[in-house]
Amino acid sequence: MARICDGPVEIGLLLVVPEVYSEQTGGALWWRRWSAGRHAAMLYLVLPGSEISFTDTIVIPDDLPEELDDWDLGRLRFVGEIYHLRWLDEYESRRLAVEKFGMAAQS
C-alpha cells in the first residue's frame, strides 16, 4: 500500500492486490473456455476531496511491466496526472487495508 501525494500534500491511498487474469476464449454459460492465467494487479484508490473519492481498476498483464516500473520510481499515473507514491511498511499497510478498504486481516 502507498500514500498518494500531489507534491508535499497527501491526497489518498493506493492498495495493490495481485490478481490472476484470464480472458474468455470461447464458449458460453457453463462451457466457457479461458486463456492461461497471467499476472495482473487490482488497484483500489481512496481519494477523499477529489471528484473520484473511491475507484478500482485492473492493470492487465500487458500493461503491468510499465506500471511496475512507475511504482518502483514512486510514481502513479492516474487520469492524466502523475502523482508521487510513498510506500508503507507491512504493519501500516495491513492496518489501512482493513480500516480504509475493508480488507480482511490476515495473519
Foldseek 3Di string as FASTA:
>chain_A
DWFWADVVRTFWDKDKDKDWDWDFPDDDDPPTDIDGTDIKIKIWIAGPPDPDRIDIDIGDRVRVVVQVVQVVVQWDQDPNDIIGIDDDDPVVSQVCCCVPVVDDRDD
